Amino acid sequence: MKIKDIFIDTIIPYMSEKEFEWKKSSDTFVFDNKKWKFECVLHFIKRNEVTSISTKFYIVSKEIDAFLKKAKIENLYRTTCGGETKSLYNFFNLTYPHKYHNLIVDETCMDENINLWINDFELVGLPFFKEFANLNKIENLFNSLPKEQSSFININAVNSAIKGIIVNYLVYNDKEIVMELLDRYESQVKDYSSYLFLSLEILKKYINRCSCPVPPHYKCGGTGSATTPTNIPWQK
């Protein structure tokens, strides 16, 4: 068997206990419920007879995703936030424990390599999923945290701007604040990003013409299910 197959077959039982399903077509472990999708993507890289794994952790908020579709904003990453293993260590202000950027996998010490990967998953992967399965935390990530910290798990500036505005609206349902955010971003990007400026204009028009696009449980300044993750078995 290939190193990749041995590695994946060995960790599937562990990931199944966490209710992550292996998707072979995309080399991704996926946890999926009504509100959230968590993805753990494994890229196996072979160079000069050395195999390494680059692991990336992503969260998709289905409510933000649905809002994007209703507003008809296209060509934007479905992923809400996330990053590779080393980025998550940096975000949580933890020392990266590996010598190289990616985790080296050697068939002669496979058990040790698997334990190192599981340790990464438990130290930064699960905490990332637990913390950001929460619209309030995502709103804070995009709109309040210093860039030097938030940049580790922001997908890019466009993602941060558009989804930061949407999640602010979902949490606080305050059009006045949202319009201030829109105007601020538009003034910052109009001279260098035509795509982002156009997307902001589309978003502004959509919010203006929708009297109540926000579900009722988000009308209390961030209370309700915006702060309460649902159906995540390892949340407690």
C-alpha atoms as a PDB file:
ATOM      1  CA  MET A   1       0.000   0.000   0.000  1.00  0.00           C
ATOM      2  CA  LYS A   2       1.033   3.602  -0.582  1.00  0.00           C
ATOM      3  CA  ILE A   3       2.047   5.720   2.403  1.00  0.00           C
ATOM      4  CA  LYS A   4      -1.008   7.897   1.826  1.00  0.00           C
ATOM      5  CA  ASP A   5      -3.395   4.923   1.916  1.00  0.00           C
ATOM      6  CA  ILE A   6      -1.800   3.509   5.079  1.00  0.00           C
ATOM      7  CA  PHE A   7      -1.976   6.882   6.793  1.00  0.00           C
ATOM      8  CA  ILE A   8      -5.608   7.584   5.873  1.00  0.00           C
ATOM      9  CA  ASP A   9      -6.825   4.065   6.651  1.00  0.00           C
ATOM     10  CA  THR A  10      -5.211   4.319  10.084  1.00  0.00           C
ATOM     11  CA  ILE A  11      -6.735   7.660  11.092  1.00  0.00           C
ATOM     12  CA  ILE A  12     -10.247   7.046   9.680  1.00  0.00           C
ATOM     13  CA  PRO A  13     -11.454   5.266  12.865  1.00  0.00           C
ATOM     14  CA  TYR A  14     -10.233   8.151  15.030  1.00  0.00           C
ATOM     15  CA  MET A  15     -11.846  10.761  12.782  1.00  0.00           C
ATOM     16  CA  SER A  16     -15.059   8.739  12.610  1.00  0.00           C
ATOM     17  CA  GLU A  17     -15.330   8.979  16.386  1.00  0.00           C
ATOM     18  CA  LYS A  18     -15.355  12.772  15.904  1.00  0.00           C
ATOM     19  CA  GLU A  19     -18.031  12.312  13.208  1.00  0.00           C
ATOM     20  CA  PHE A  20     -15.756  13.374  10.355  1.00  0.00           C
ATOM     21  CA  GLU A  21     -16.350  11.450   7.137  1.00  0.00           C
ATOM     22  CA  TRP A  22     -13.535  10.786   4.666  1.00  0.00           C
ATOM     23  CA  LYS A  23     -14.166  12.152   1.147  1.00  0.00           C
ATOM     24  CA  LYS A  24     -11.643  10.399  -1.064  1.00  0.00           C
ATOM     25  CA  SER A  25     -12.381  12.538  -4.126  1.00  0.00           C
ATOM     26  CA  SER A  26     -11.148  15.671  -2.358  1.00  0.00           C
ATOM     27  CA  ASP A  27      -8.779  14.158   0.245  1.00  0.00           C
ATOM     28  CA  THR A  28     -10.883  15.784   2.950  1.00  0.00           C
ATOM     29  CA  PHE A  29     -12.394  14.805   6.279  1.00  0.00           C
ATOM     30  CA  VAL A  30     -15.785  16.521   6.561  1.00  0.00           C
ATOM     31  CA  PHE A  31     -18.103  17.214   9.480  1.00  0.00           C
ATOM     32  CA  ASP A  32     -21.456  18.521   8.257  1.00  0.00           C
ATOM     33  CA  ASN A  33     -24.612  19.656  10.026  1.00  0.00           C
ATOM     34  CA  LYS A  34     -27.434  22.135   9.322  1.00  0.00           C
ATOM     35  CA  LYS A  35     -25.416  25.259  10.127  1.00  0.00           C
ATOM     36  CA  TRP A  36     -21.767  24.379   9.759  1.00  0.00           C
ATOM     37  CA  LYS A  37     -19.369  22.459   7.586  1.00  0.00           C
ATOM     38  CA  PHE A  38     -15.883  21.695   8.903  1.00  0.00           C
ATOM     39  CA  GLU A  39     -13.218  20.509   6.505  1.00  0.00           C
ATOM     40  CA  CYS A  40      -9.846  18.973   7.238  1.00  0.00           C
ATOM     41  CA  VAL A  41      -7.964  18.799   3.929  1.00  0.00           C
ATOM     42  CA  LEU A  42      -4.865  16.618   3.582  1.00  0.00           C
ATOM     43  CA  HIS A  43      -2.411  17.313   0.754  1.00  0.00           C
ATOM     44  CA  PHE A  44       0.199  14.573   0.358  1.00  0.00           C
ATOM     45  CA  ILE A  45       3.368  15.892  -1.283  1.00  0.00           C
ATOM     46  CA  LYS A  46       6.222  13.714  -2.522  1.00  0.00           C
ATOM     47  CA  ARG A  47       9.589  15.274  -3.351  1.00  0.00           C
ATOM     48  CA  ASN A  48      12.879  13.441  -3.711  1.00  0.00           C
ATOM     49  CA  GLU A  49      11.453  10.268  -2.153  1.00  0.00           C
ATOM     50  CA  VAL A  50      10.226  12.225   0.888  1.00  0.00           C
ATOM     51  CA  THR A  51       6.484  12.345   1.607  1.00  0.00           C
ATOM     52  CA  SER A  52       4.961  15.145   3.630  1.00  0.00           C
ATOM     53  CA  ILE A  53       1.446  16.253   4.549  1.00  0.00           C
ATOM     54  CA  SER A  54       0.079  19.770   4.384  1.00  0.00           C
ATOM     55  CA  THR A  55      -3.131  19.883   6.435  1.00  0.00           C
ATOM     56  CA  LYS A  56      -5.629  22.729   6.166  1.00  0.00           C
ATOM     57  CA  PHE A  57      -8.631  23.366   8.415  1.00  0.00           C
ATOM     58  CA  TYR A  58     -11.663  25.237   7.070  1.00  0.00           C
ATOM     59  CA  ILE A  59     -15.059  26.322   8.372  1.00  0.00           C
ATOM     60  CA  VAL A  60     -18.077  27.086   6.194  1.00  0.00           C
ATOM     61  CA  SER A  61     -20.990  28.945   7.780  1.00  0.00           C
ATOM     62  CA  LYS A  62     -24.026  27.833   5.817  1.00  0.00           C
ATOM     63  CA  GLU A  63     -25.935  30.948   6.900  1.00  0.00           C
ATOM     64  CA  ILE A  64     -23.252  33.254   5.488  1.00  0.00           C
ATOM     65  CA  ASP A  65     -23.094  31.088   2.378  1.00  0.00           C
ATOM     66  CA  ALA A  66     -26.879  31.288   1.913  1.00  0.00           C
ATOM     67  CA  PHE A  67     -26.757  35.083   2.329  1.00  0.00           C
ATOM     68  CA  LEU A  68     -24.091  35.326  -0.390  1.00  0.00           C
ATOM     69  CA  LYS A  69     -26.227  33.296  -2.768  1.00  0.00           C
ATOM     70  CA  LYS A  70     -29.326  35.404  -2.104  1.00  0.00           C
ATOM     71  CA  ALA A  71     -27.321  38.583  -2.682  1.00  0.00           C
ATOM     72  CA  LYS A  72     -25.914  37.008  -5.883  1.00  0.00           C
ATOM     73  CA  ILE A  73     -22.305  37.709  -5.018  1.00  0.00           C
ATOM     74  CA  GLU A  74     -20.235  35.298  -7.090  1.00  0.00           C
ATOM     75  CA  ASN A  75     -16.634  34.137  -7.401  1.00  0.00           C
ATOM     76  CA  LEU A  76     -16.042  34.206  -3.655  1.00  0.00           C
ATOM     77  CA  TYR A  77     -14.609  31.348  -1.608  1.00  0.00           C
ATOM     78  CA  ARG A  78     -17.324  29.293   0.100  1.00  0.00           C
ATOM     79  CA  THR A  79     -14.919  28.854   2.991  1.00  0.00           C
ATOM     80  CA  THR A  80     -15.625  31.317   5.802  1.00  0.00           C
ATOM     81  CA  CYS A  81     -12.243  31.118   7.527  1.00  0.00           C
ATOM     82  CA  GLY A  82      -9.374  28.734   8.088  1.00  0.00           C
ATOM     83  CA  GLY A  83      -5.762  27.970   7.331  1.00  0.00           C
ATOM     84  CA  GLU A  84      -3.002  25.415   7.415  1.00  0.00           C
ATOM     85  CA  THR A  85      -1.768  23.760  10.590  1.00  0.00           C
ATOM     86  CA  LYS A  86       1.126  26.160  11.194  1.00  0.00           C
ATOM     87  CA  SER A  87      -1.178  29.172  10.758  1.00  0.00           C
ATOM     88  CA  LEU A  88      -3.504  27.818  13.435  1.00  0.00           C
ATOM     89  CA  TYR A  89      -0.572  27.362  15.832  1.00  0.00           C
ATOM     90  CA  ASN A  90       0.333  31.005  15.190  1.00  0.00           C
ATOM     91  CA  PHE A  91      -3.254  32.158  15.669  1.00  0.00           C
ATOM     92  CA  PHE A  92      -3.519  30.407  19.041  1.00  0.00           C
ATOM     93  CA  ASN A  93      -0.045  31.695  19.971  1.00  0.00           C
ATOM     94  CA  LEU A  94       1.364  28.188  20.319  1.00  0.00           C
ATOM     95  CA  THR A  95       4.847  27.029  19.376  1.00  0.00           C
ATOM     96  CA  TYR A  96       4.871  25.019  16.156  1.00  0.00           C
ATOM     97  CA  PRO A  97       6.265  21.619  17.167  1.00  0.00           C
ATOM     98  CA  HIS A  98       7.623  20.377  13.831  1.00  0.00           C
ATOM     99  CA  LYS A  99      11.033  20.960  12.279  1.00  0.00           C
ATOM    100  CA  TYR A 100       9.655  21.468   8.785  1.00  0.00           C
ATOM    101  CA  HIS A 101       6.684  23.426   7.477  1.00  0.00           C
ATOM    102  CA  ASN A 102       4.774  20.235   6.635  1.00  0.00           C
ATOM    103  CA  LEU A 103       4.574  17.008   8.601  1.00  0.00           C
ATOM    104  CA  ILE A 104       7.072  14.470   7.240  1.00  0.00           C
ATOM    105  CA  VAL A 105       5.657  10.961   6.868  1.00  0.00           C
ATOM    106  CA  ASP A 106       8.019   7.992   6.952  1.00  0.00           C
ATOM    107  CA  GLU A 107       6.809   4.429   6.519  1.00  0.00           C
ATOM    108  CA  THR A 108       9.387   3.215   9.054  1.00  0.00           C
ATOM    109  CA  CYS A 109       7.804   5.255  11.857  1.00  0.00           C
ATOM    110  CA  MET A 110       4.212   5.553  10.728  1.00  0.00           C
ATOM    111  CA  ASP A 111       2.709   5.238  14.207  1.00  0.00           C
ATOM    112  CA  GLU A 112       4.760   8.192  15.433  1.00  0.00           C
ATOM    113  CA  ASN A 113       3.770  10.275  12.398  1.00  0.00           C
ATOM    114  CA  ILE A 114       0.084   9.483  12.923  1.00  0.00           C
ATOM    115  CA  ASN A 115       0.309  10.426  16.603  1.00  0.00           C
ATOM    116  CA  LEU A 116       1.914  13.749  15.645  1.00  0.00           C
ATOM    117  CA  TRP A 117      -0.908  14.462  13.185  1.00  0.00           C
ATOM    118  CA  ILE A 118      -3.583  13.587  15.754  1.00  0.00           C
ATOM    119  CA  ASN A 119      -1.804  15.798  18.274  1.00  0.00           C
ATOM    120  CA  ASP A 120      -1.986  18.715  15.812  1.00  0.00           C
ATOM    121  CA  PHE A 121      -5.672  18.005  15.221  1.00  0.00           C
ATOM    122  CA  GLU A 122      -6.425  18.022  18.943  1.00  0.00           C
ATOM    123  CA  LEU A 123      -4.207  21.006  19.810  1.00  0.00           C
ATOM    124  CA  VAL A 124      -5.321  23.394  17.057  1.00  0.00           C
ATOM    125  CA  GLY A 125      -7.809  21.703  14.701  1.00  0.00           C
ATOM    126  CA  LEU A 126     -10.586  20.893  17.154  1.00  0.00           C
ATOM    127  CA  PRO A 127     -10.124  24.148  19.129  1.00  0.00           C
ATOM    128  CA  PHE A 128     -10.429  26.087  15.873  1.00  0.00           C
ATOM    129  CA  PHE A 129     -13.660  24.307  14.934  1.00  0.00           C
ATOM    130  CA  LYS A 130     -15.058  24.703  18.454  1.00  0.00           C
ATOM    131  CA  GLU A 131     -14.260  28.394  18.730  1.00  0.00           C
ATOM    132  CA  PHE A 132     -15.442  29.510  15.313  1.00  0.00           C
ATOM    133  CA  ALA A 133     -18.636  27.492  15.064  1.00  0.00           C
ATOM    134  CA  ASN A 134     -20.067  30.731  16.369  1.00  0.00           C
ATOM    135  CA  LEU A 135     -21.175  33.754  14.329  1.00  0.00           C
ATOM    136  CA  ASN A 136     -20.201  36.191  17.084  1.00  0.00           C
ATOM    137  CA  LYS A 137     -16.618  34.873  17.048  1.00  0.00           C
ATOM    138  CA  ILE A 138     -16.503  35.086  13.247  1.00  0.00           C
ATOM    139  CA  GLU A 139     -17.826  38.649  13.372  1.00  0.00           C
ATOM    140  CA  ASN A 140     -15.101  39.543  15.874  1.00  0.00           C
ATOM    141  CA  LEU A 141     -12.462  37.838  13.713  1.00  0.00           C
ATOM    142  CA  PHE A 142     -13.354  39.854  10.621  1.00  0.00           C
ATOM    143  CA  ASN A 143     -14.218  43.212  12.158  1.00  0.00           C
ATOM    144  CA  SER A 144     -12.381  43.610  15.479  1.00  0.00           C
ATOM    145  CA  LEU A 145      -9.250  41.474  15.840  1.00  0.00           C
ATOM    146  CA  PRO A 146      -5.923  43.080  14.854  1.00  0.00           C
ATOM    147  CA  LYS A 147      -4.871  42.119  11.333  1.00  0.00           C
ATOM    148  CA  GLU A 148      -1.607  40.630  12.557  1.00  0.00           C
ATOM    149  CA  GLN A 149      -3.662  38.002  14.420  1.00  0.00           C
ATOM    150  CA  SER A 150      -6.715  37.562  12.191  1.00  0.00           C
ATOM    151  CA  SER A 151      -4.628  37.212   9.006  1.00  0.00           C
ATOM    152  CA  PHE A 152      -3.568  33.703  10.043  1.00  0.00           C
ATOM    153  CA  ILE A 153      -7.079  32.329   9.424  1.00  0.00           C
ATOM    154  CA  ASN A 154      -8.611  34.873   7.030  1.00  0.00           C
ATOM    155  CA  ILE A 155      -8.793  33.468   3.514  1.00  0.00           C
ATOM    156  CA  ASN A 156      -8.045  36.848   1.905  1.00  0.00           C
ATOM    157  CA  ALA A 157      -8.952  40.547   2.118  1.00  0.00           C
ATOM    158  CA  VAL A 158     -11.996  40.219  -0.151  1.00  0.00           C
ATOM    159  CA  ASN A 159     -13.338  37.333   1.913  1.00  0.00           C
ATOM    160  CA  SER A 160     -12.808  39.302   5.115  1.00  0.00           C
ATOM    161  CA  ALA A 161     -14.546  42.447   3.848  1.00  0.00           C
ATOM    162  CA  ILE A 162     -17.639  40.863   2.280  1.00  0.00           C
ATOM    163  CA  LYS A 163     -18.233  38.194   4.905  1.00  0.00           C
ATOM    164  CA  GLY A 164     -17.350  40.567   7.735  1.00  0.00           C
ATOM    165  CA  ILE A 165     -20.211  42.826   6.669  1.00  0.00           C
ATOM    166  CA  ILE A 166     -22.629  39.930   6.211  1.00  0.00           C
ATOM    167  CA  VAL A 167     -21.875  38.333   9.572  1.00  0.00           C
ATOM    168  CA  ASN A 168     -22.168  41.695  11.304  1.00  0.00           C
ATOM    169  CA  TYR A 169     -25.671  42.003   9.873  1.00  0.00           C
ATOM    170  CA  LEU A 170     -26.575  38.439  10.821  1.00  0.00           C
ATOM    171  CA  VAL A 171     -25.465  38.966  14.405  1.00  0.00           C
ATOM    172  CA  TYR A 172     -26.664  42.520  15.109  1.00  0.00           C
ATOM    173  CA  ASN A 173     -29.312  43.185  12.410  1.00  0.00           C
ATOM    174  CA  ASP A 174     -28.431  46.885  12.418  1.00  0.00           C
ATOM    175  CA  LYS A 175     -28.591  48.420   8.938  1.00  0.00           C
ATOM    176  CA  GLU A 176     -27.020  51.685  10.090  1.00  0.00           C
ATOM    177  CA  ILE A 177     -23.856  49.947  11.295  1.00  0.00           C
ATOM    178  CA  VAL A 178     -23.730  47.776   8.176  1.00  0.00           C
ATOM    179  CA  MET A 179     -24.015  50.807   5.897  1.00  0.00           C
ATOM    180  CA  GLU A 180     -21.170  52.475   7.789  1.00  0.00           C
ATOM    181  CA  LEU A 181     -19.041  49.375   7.244  1.00  0.00           C
ATOM    182  CA  LEU A 182     -19.953  49.294   3.560  1.00  0.00           C
ATOM    183  CA  ASP A 183     -19.123  52.964   3.059  1.00  0.00           C
ATOM    184  CA  ARG A 184     -15.821  52.572   4.891  1.00  0.00           C
ATOM    185  CA  TYR A 185     -14.740  49.579   2.807  1.00  0.00           C
ATOM    186  CA  GLU A 186     -15.867  51.207  -0.447  1.00  0.00           C
ATOM    187  CA  SER A 187     -13.773  54.300   0.233  1.00  0.00           C
ATOM    188  CA  GLN A 188     -10.747  52.101   0.986  1.00  0.00           C
ATOM    189  CA  VAL A 189     -10.931  49.856  -2.084  1.00  0.00           C
ATOM    190  CA  LYS A 190     -12.450  51.936  -4.904  1.00  0.00           C
ATOM    191  CA  ASP A 191      -9.033  52.808  -6.345  1.00  0.00           C
ATOM    192  CA  TYR A 192      -7.432  49.354  -6.288  1.00  0.00           C
ATOM    193  CA  SER A 193     -10.046  46.567  -6.335  1.00  0.00           C
ATOM    194  CA  SER A 194     -12.849  46.881  -8.862  1.00  0.00           C
ATOM    195  CA  TYR A 195     -14.145  43.393  -8.020  1.00  0.00           C
ATOM    196  CA  LEU A 196     -14.431  44.115  -4.301  1.00  0.00           C
ATOM    197  CA  PHE A 197     -15.972  47.549  -4.942  1.00  0.00           C
ATOM    198  CA  LEU A 198     -18.596  46.003  -7.262  1.00  0.00           C
ATOM    199  CA  SER A 199     -19.334  43.235  -4.727  1.00  0.00           C
ATOM    200  CA  LEU A 200     -19.826  45.819  -1.988  1.00  0.00           C
ATOM    201  CA  GLU A 201     -22.244  47.726  -4.221  1.00  0.00           C
ATOM    202  CA  ILE A 202     -24.225  44.533  -4.900  1.00  0.00           C
ATOM    203  CA  LEU A 203     -24.321  43.763  -1.178  1.00  0.00           C
ATOM    204  CA  LYS A 204     -25.456  47.298  -0.308  1.00  0.00           C
ATOM    205  CA  LYS A 205     -28.331  47.156  -2.801  1.00  0.00           C
ATOM    206  CA  TYR A 206     -29.410  43.736  -1.543  1.00  0.00           C
ATOM    207  CA  ILE A 207     -29.471  44.779   2.127  1.00  0.00           C
ATOM    208  CA  ASN A 208     -31.286  48.014   1.284  1.00  0.00           C
ATOM    209  CA  ARG A 209     -34.110  46.322  -0.581  1.00  0.00           C
ATOM    210  CA  CYS A 210     -34.613  43.460   1.895  1.00  0.00           C
ATOM    211  CA  SER A 211     -36.799  44.508   4.794  1.00  0.00           C
ATOM    212  CA  CYS A 212     -35.923  41.498   6.947  1.00  0.00           C
ATOM    213  CA  PRO A 213     -33.386  39.056   5.459  1.00  0.00           C
ATOM    214  CA  VAL A 214     -32.154  38.076   8.929  1.00  0.00           C
ATOM    215  CA  PRO A 215     -33.705  35.090  10.753  1.00  0.00           C
ATOM    216  CA  PRO A 216     -35.713  36.149  13.847  1.00  0.00           C
ATOM    217  CA  HIS A 217     -33.285  34.615  16.338  1.00  0.00           C
ATOM    218  CA  TYR A 218     -30.583  37.113  15.276  1.00  0.00           C
ATOM    219  CA  LYS A 219     -32.573  40.197  16.235  1.00  0.00           C
ATOM    220  CA  CYS A 220     -31.229  40.565  19.767  1.00  0.00           C
ATOM    221  CA  GLY A 221     -27.708  41.875  19.310  1.00  0.00           C
ATOM    222  CA  GLY A 222     -25.929  38.574  18.956  1.00  0.00           C
ATOM    223  CA  THR A 223     -27.979  36.385  21.273  1.00  0.00           C
ATOM    224  CA  GLY A 224     -29.697  33.129  20.431  1.00  0.00           C
ATOM    225  CA  SER A 225     -28.135  30.566  18.123  1.00  0.00           C
ATOM    226  CA  ALA A 226     -25.540  33.048  16.900  1.00  0.00           C
ATOM    227  CA  THR A 227     -23.698  32.237  20.116  1.00  0.00           C
ATOM    228  CA  THR A 228     -24.819  28.654  20.565  1.00  0.00           C
ATOM    229  CA  PRO A 229     -23.261  26.025  18.257  1.00  0.00           C
ATOM    230  CA  THR A 230     -25.642  23.151  17.509  1.00  0.00           C
ATOM    231  CA  ASN A 231     -25.229  19.410  17.112  1.00  0.00           C
ATOM    232  CA  ILE A 232     -21.465  19.288  17.476  1.00  0.00           C
ATOM    233  CA  PRO A 233     -20.813  16.067  19.416  1.00  0.00           C
ATOM    234  CA  TRP A 234     -17.357  17.000  20.752  1.00  0.00           C
ATOM    235  CA  GLN A 235     -18.306  20.597  21.573  1.00  0.00           C
ATOM    236  CA  LYS A 236     -18.505  20.103  25.339  1.00  0.00           C
END
